[in-house]
């Protein structure tokens, strides 16, 4: 009986740990391409253009209220991270491989 309790406790902690790892990889549970509003076939110039358009629109300095500034900061961090991943060719290849094989 105690074995099963320890097993359930261990599995719960393991699952929580795995989900926290997923959140820290690449764009977390979001898709980097969706964050930048580009397709997987987008070239580097399209990615840069999409990032710059979003940066102009959602830069925290463009917010009028403190609540908006917090929202803009969160959005800006998310798509800036997506841009950092997709602008580097090696990282983008790794990210695409992860999207194609989510079980590995």
N, C-alpha and C. Protein backbone atom coordinates (compact mmCIF):
# COMPACT_ATOMS: atom_id res chain seq x y z
N UNK A 1 0.82 -1.19 0.00
CA UNK A 1 0.00 0.00 0.00
C UNK A 1 0.87 1.26 0.00
N UNK A 2 1.87 1.29 0.87
CA UNK A 2 2.76 2.44 0.92
C UNK A 2 3.52 2.63 -0.38
N UNK A 3 3.85 1.51 -1.02
CA UNK A 3 4.55 1.57 -2.30
C UNK A 3 3.73 2.35 -3.33
N UNK A 4 2.45 2.09 -3.39
CA UNK A 4 1.58 2.77 -4.36
C UNK A 4 1.46 4.26 -4.06
N UNK A 5 1.44 4.60 -2.81
CA UNK A 5 1.38 6.01 -2.43
C UNK A 5 2.65 6.72 -2.88
N UNK A 6 3.80 6.08 -2.63
CA UNK A 6 5.06 6.67 -3.06
C UNK A 6 5.16 6.74 -4.58
N UNK A 7 4.66 5.73 -5.24
CA UNK A 7 4.67 5.71 -6.69
C UNK A 7 3.81 6.84 -7.26
N UNK A 8 2.63 7.02 -6.75
CA UNK A 8 1.75 8.10 -7.20
C UNK A 8 2.38 9.45 -6.93
N UNK A 9 2.97 9.61 -5.76
CA UNK A 9 3.63 10.86 -5.42
C UNK A 9 4.79 11.14 -6.37
N UNK A 10 5.59 10.13 -6.65
CA UNK A 10 6.72 10.28 -7.55
C UNK A 10 6.25 10.65 -8.95
N UNK A 11 5.23 9.97 -9.44
CA UNK A 11 4.73 10.24 -10.79
C UNK A 11 4.16 11.64 -10.90
N UNK A 12 3.47 12.09 -9.87
CA UNK A 12 2.94 13.46 -9.88
C UNK A 12 4.07 14.48 -9.95
N UNK A 13 5.10 14.27 -9.19
CA UNK A 13 6.24 15.20 -9.21
C UNK A 13 6.95 15.14 -10.56
N UNK A 14 7.07 13.95 -11.13
CA UNK A 14 7.73 13.79 -12.42
C UNK A 14 6.95 14.51 -13.52
N UNK A 15 5.65 14.35 -13.53
CA UNK A 15 4.81 15.00 -14.55
C UNK A 15 4.90 16.51 -14.42
N UNK A 16 4.86 17.03 -13.23
CA UNK A 16 4.99 18.47 -13.02
C UNK A 16 6.34 18.95 -13.52
N UNK A 17 7.39 18.17 -13.26
CA UNK A 17 8.73 18.53 -13.70
C UNK A 17 8.83 18.54 -15.23
N UNK A 18 8.21 17.55 -15.88
CA UNK A 18 8.24 17.49 -17.34
C UNK A 18 7.53 18.70 -17.94
N UNK A 19 6.37 19.08 -17.39
CA UNK A 19 5.66 20.24 -17.91
C UNK A 19 6.44 21.52 -17.69
N UNK A 20 7.17 21.61 -16.61
CA UNK A 20 7.98 22.81 -16.40
C UNK A 20 9.14 22.85 -17.39
N UNK A 21 9.65 21.69 -17.80
CA UNK A 21 10.68 21.66 -18.83
C UNK A 21 10.12 22.11 -20.17
N UNK A 22 8.91 21.68 -20.49
CA UNK A 22 8.29 22.08 -21.75
C UNK A 22 8.11 23.58 -21.79
N UNK A 23 7.70 24.16 -20.68
CA UNK A 23 7.49 25.60 -20.63
C UNK A 23 8.78 26.38 -20.83
N UNK A 24 9.92 25.79 -20.48
CA UNK A 24 11.18 26.51 -20.62
C UNK A 24 11.86 26.25 -21.96
N UNK A 25 11.34 25.32 -22.76
CA UNK A 25 11.93 25.05 -24.06
C UNK A 25 11.34 25.95 -25.13
N UNK A 26 12.19 26.51 -25.93
CA UNK A 26 11.77 27.32 -27.07
C UNK A 26 10.71 28.34 -26.67
N UNK A 27 9.51 28.22 -27.20
CA UNK A 27 8.43 29.19 -26.92
C UNK A 27 7.42 28.62 -25.94
N UNK A 28 7.82 27.66 -25.17
CA UNK A 28 6.91 27.04 -24.21
C UNK A 28 5.84 26.25 -24.94
N UNK A 29 4.63 26.41 -24.55
CA UNK A 29 3.52 25.68 -25.17
C UNK A 29 2.99 26.39 -26.41
N UNK A 30 3.48 27.60 -26.66
CA UNK A 30 3.07 28.34 -27.85
C UNK A 30 3.95 27.93 -29.03
N UNK A 31 3.46 28.19 -30.22
CA UNK A 31 4.22 27.92 -31.43
C UNK A 31 4.92 29.22 -31.82
N UNK A 32 6.23 29.16 -32.00
CA UNK A 32 7.00 30.36 -32.34
C UNK A 32 6.51 31.00 -33.64
N UNK A 33 6.15 30.17 -34.60
CA UNK A 33 5.66 30.71 -35.88
C UNK A 33 4.34 31.45 -35.69
N UNK A 34 3.46 30.90 -34.86
CA UNK A 34 2.18 31.56 -34.60
C UNK A 34 2.37 32.88 -33.86
N UNK A 35 3.33 32.93 -32.95
CA UNK A 35 3.59 34.17 -32.21
C UNK A 35 4.00 35.31 -33.14
N UNK A 36 4.75 34.96 -34.19
CA UNK A 36 5.21 35.98 -35.14
C UNK A 36 4.28 36.12 -36.34
N UNK A 37 3.23 35.32 -36.39
CA UNK A 37 2.28 35.34 -37.50
C UNK A 37 2.94 35.07 -38.84
N UNK A 38 3.83 34.07 -38.86
CA UNK A 38 4.48 33.64 -40.10
C UNK A 38 4.28 32.14 -40.25
N UNK A 39 4.53 31.64 -41.46
CA UNK A 39 4.43 30.21 -41.71
C UNK A 39 5.79 29.55 -41.53
N UNK A 40 5.79 28.24 -41.51
CA UNK A 40 7.06 27.51 -41.38
C UNK A 40 7.94 27.68 -42.61
N UNK A 41 7.35 28.07 -43.71
CA UNK A 41 8.13 28.25 -44.93
C UNK A 41 8.65 29.68 -45.09
N UNK A 42 8.41 30.51 -44.11
CA UNK A 42 8.84 31.91 -44.18
C UNK A 42 10.36 31.99 -44.21
N UNK A 43 10.86 32.91 -45.04
CA UNK A 43 12.31 33.10 -45.08
C UNK A 43 12.72 34.08 -43.98
N UNK A 44 14.02 34.30 -43.88
CA UNK A 44 14.54 35.14 -42.80
C UNK A 44 14.04 36.58 -42.89
N UNK A 45 13.90 37.10 -44.11
CA UNK A 45 13.43 38.46 -44.28
C UNK A 45 11.98 38.62 -43.80
N UNK A 46 11.15 37.62 -44.06
CA UNK A 46 9.76 37.67 -43.62
C UNK A 46 9.67 37.61 -42.09
N UNK A 47 10.55 36.82 -41.49
CA UNK A 47 10.58 36.72 -40.03
C UNK A 47 11.00 38.04 -39.41
N UNK A 48 12.03 38.66 -39.98
CA UNK A 48 12.50 39.96 -39.48
C UNK A 48 11.41 41.01 -39.62
N UNK A 49 10.74 41.03 -40.77
CA UNK A 49 9.67 42.01 -41.01
C UNK A 49 8.52 41.82 -40.03
N UNK A 50 8.12 40.56 -39.79
CA UNK A 50 7.04 40.29 -38.84
C UNK A 50 7.43 40.72 -37.43
N UNK A 51 8.68 40.43 -37.05
CA UNK A 51 9.15 40.83 -35.72
C UNK A 51 9.14 42.35 -35.56
N UNK A 52 9.63 43.06 -36.55
CA UNK A 52 9.69 44.52 -36.45
C UNK A 52 8.30 45.13 -36.38
N UNK A 53 7.36 44.58 -37.15
CA UNK A 53 5.99 45.09 -37.09
C UNK A 53 5.39 44.88 -35.70
N UNK A 54 5.60 43.70 -35.13
CA UNK A 54 5.08 43.44 -33.79
C UNK A 54 5.79 44.29 -32.74
N UNK A 55 7.09 44.50 -32.92
CA UNK A 55 7.86 45.32 -31.98
C UNK A 55 7.36 46.76 -31.98
N UNK A 56 7.03 47.27 -33.16
CA UNK A 56 6.49 48.64 -33.23
C UNK A 56 5.13 48.73 -32.54
N UNK A 57 4.34 47.70 -32.72
CA UNK A 57 2.98 47.72 -32.19
C UNK A 57 2.93 47.46 -30.68
N UNK A 58 3.74 46.52 -30.20
CA UNK A 58 3.63 46.08 -28.81
C UNK A 58 4.84 46.39 -27.94
N UNK A 59 5.67 47.34 -28.34
CA UNK A 59 6.80 47.69 -27.48
C UNK A 59 6.24 48.30 -26.20
N UNK A 60 6.77 47.93 -25.04
CA UNK A 60 6.25 48.45 -23.77
C UNK A 60 6.25 49.97 -23.68
N UNK A 61 7.14 50.63 -24.37
CA UNK A 61 7.17 52.09 -24.34
C UNK A 61 5.98 52.71 -25.07
N UNK A 62 5.28 51.93 -25.88
CA UNK A 62 4.13 52.43 -26.63
C UNK A 62 2.83 52.37 -25.81
N UNK A 63 2.87 51.70 -24.67
CA UNK A 63 1.68 51.55 -23.83
C UNK A 63 1.31 52.88 -23.17
N UNK A 64 0.02 53.08 -23.05
CA UNK A 64 -0.47 54.33 -22.46
C UNK A 64 -0.73 54.22 -20.96
N UNK A 65 -1.07 53.02 -20.49
CA UNK A 65 -1.34 52.82 -19.06
C UNK A 65 -0.40 51.75 -18.51
N UNK A 66 -0.32 51.67 -17.20
CA UNK A 66 0.57 50.68 -16.59
C UNK A 66 0.05 49.26 -16.84
N UNK A 67 -1.26 49.10 -16.90
CA UNK A 67 -1.82 47.77 -17.17
C UNK A 67 -1.45 47.34 -18.59
N UNK A 68 -1.59 48.28 -19.53
CA UNK A 68 -1.20 47.99 -20.91
C UNK A 68 0.29 47.71 -21.01
N UNK A 69 1.08 48.43 -20.22
CA UNK A 69 2.53 48.23 -20.26
C UNK A 69 2.89 46.82 -19.82
N UNK A 70 2.21 46.29 -18.81
CA UNK A 70 2.46 44.92 -18.36
C UNK A 70 2.09 43.92 -19.45
N UNK A 71 0.94 44.14 -20.10
CA UNK A 71 0.51 43.25 -21.18
C UNK A 71 1.48 43.31 -22.35
N UNK A 72 1.88 44.51 -22.71
CA UNK A 72 2.80 44.68 -23.83
C UNK A 72 4.16 44.04 -23.51
N UNK A 73 4.60 44.18 -22.28
CA UNK A 73 5.88 43.59 -21.89
C UNK A 73 5.83 42.07 -22.04
N UNK A 74 4.74 41.47 -21.59
CA UNK A 74 4.60 40.02 -21.70
C UNK A 74 4.57 39.58 -23.16
N UNK A 75 3.78 40.28 -23.98
CA UNK A 75 3.72 39.95 -25.41
C UNK A 75 5.07 40.17 -26.07
N UNK A 76 5.71 41.27 -25.75
CA UNK A 76 7.00 41.59 -26.36
C UNK A 76 8.03 40.51 -26.05
N UNK A 77 8.07 40.08 -24.82
CA UNK A 77 9.02 39.01 -24.44
C UNK A 77 8.74 37.73 -25.21
N UNK A 78 7.45 37.40 -25.37
CA UNK A 78 7.08 36.16 -26.05
C UNK A 78 7.52 36.19 -27.51
N UNK A 79 7.20 37.24 -28.24
CA UNK A 79 7.57 37.21 -29.65
C UNK A 79 9.04 37.57 -29.87
N UNK A 80 9.68 38.26 -28.94
CA UNK A 80 11.12 38.48 -29.04
C UNK A 80 11.86 37.15 -28.87
N UNK A 81 11.38 36.32 -27.97
CA UNK A 81 11.96 34.99 -27.79
C UNK A 81 11.76 34.16 -29.05
N UNK A 82 10.56 34.22 -29.63
CA UNK A 82 10.28 33.49 -30.87
C UNK A 82 11.21 33.96 -31.98
N UNK A 83 11.43 35.24 -32.06
CA UNK A 83 12.33 35.80 -33.08
C UNK A 83 13.75 35.29 -32.87
N UNK A 84 14.21 35.28 -31.64
CA UNK A 84 15.57 34.80 -31.36
C UNK A 84 15.74 33.34 -31.79
N UNK A 85 14.70 32.55 -31.64
CA UNK A 85 14.76 31.14 -32.03
C UNK A 85 14.74 31.00 -33.54
N UNK A 86 13.87 31.74 -34.20
CA UNK A 86 13.69 31.54 -35.64
C UNK A 86 14.71 32.28 -36.50
N UNK A 87 15.39 33.28 -35.95
CA UNK A 87 16.36 34.00 -36.77
C UNK A 87 17.66 33.21 -36.94
N UNK A 88 17.98 32.37 -35.98
CA UNK A 88 19.18 31.56 -36.05
C UNK A 88 18.85 30.25 -36.77
N UNK A 89 19.54 29.97 -37.85
CA UNK A 89 19.21 28.83 -38.71
C UNK A 89 19.33 27.49 -37.98
N UNK A 90 20.38 27.31 -37.18
CA UNK A 90 20.56 26.05 -36.45
C UNK A 90 19.46 25.84 -35.41
N UNK A 91 19.15 26.89 -34.68
CA UNK A 91 18.09 26.79 -33.67
C UNK A 91 16.75 26.54 -34.33
N UNK A 92 16.53 27.17 -35.48
CA UNK A 92 15.28 26.97 -36.20
C UNK A 92 15.15 25.52 -36.68
N UNK A 93 16.23 24.94 -37.16
CA UNK A 93 16.22 23.54 -37.59
C UNK A 93 15.90 22.63 -36.41
N UNK A 94 16.52 22.89 -35.26
CA UNK A 94 16.22 22.11 -34.06
C UNK A 94 14.76 22.26 -33.65
N UNK A 95 14.26 23.48 -33.72
CA UNK A 95 12.87 23.74 -33.34
C UNK A 95 11.91 23.03 -34.30
N UNK A 96 12.19 23.08 -35.59
CA UNK A 96 11.35 22.39 -36.57
C UNK A 96 11.37 20.88 -36.34
N UNK A 97 12.53 20.36 -35.99
CA UNK A 97 12.64 18.93 -35.70
C UNK A 97 11.79 18.57 -34.48
N UNK A 98 11.80 19.45 -33.48
CA UNK A 98 10.99 19.21 -32.29
C UNK A 98 9.50 19.25 -32.64
N UNK A 99 9.10 20.18 -33.52
CA UNK A 99 7.70 20.25 -33.93
C UNK A 99 7.27 18.99 -34.71
N UNK A 100 8.18 18.48 -35.54
CA UNK A 100 7.87 17.30 -36.34
C UNK A 100 7.85 16.03 -35.51
N UNK A 101 8.63 16.00 -34.43
CA UNK A 101 8.73 14.80 -33.57
C UNK A 101 8.52 15.17 -32.11
N UNK A 102 7.30 15.49 -31.71
CA UNK A 102 7.07 15.96 -30.34
C UNK A 102 7.28 14.87 -29.28
N UNK A 103 7.26 13.61 -29.67
CA UNK A 103 7.39 12.53 -28.71
C UNK A 103 8.84 12.27 -28.30
N UNK A 104 9.79 12.79 -29.05
CA UNK A 104 11.20 12.49 -28.77
C UNK A 104 11.82 13.52 -27.89
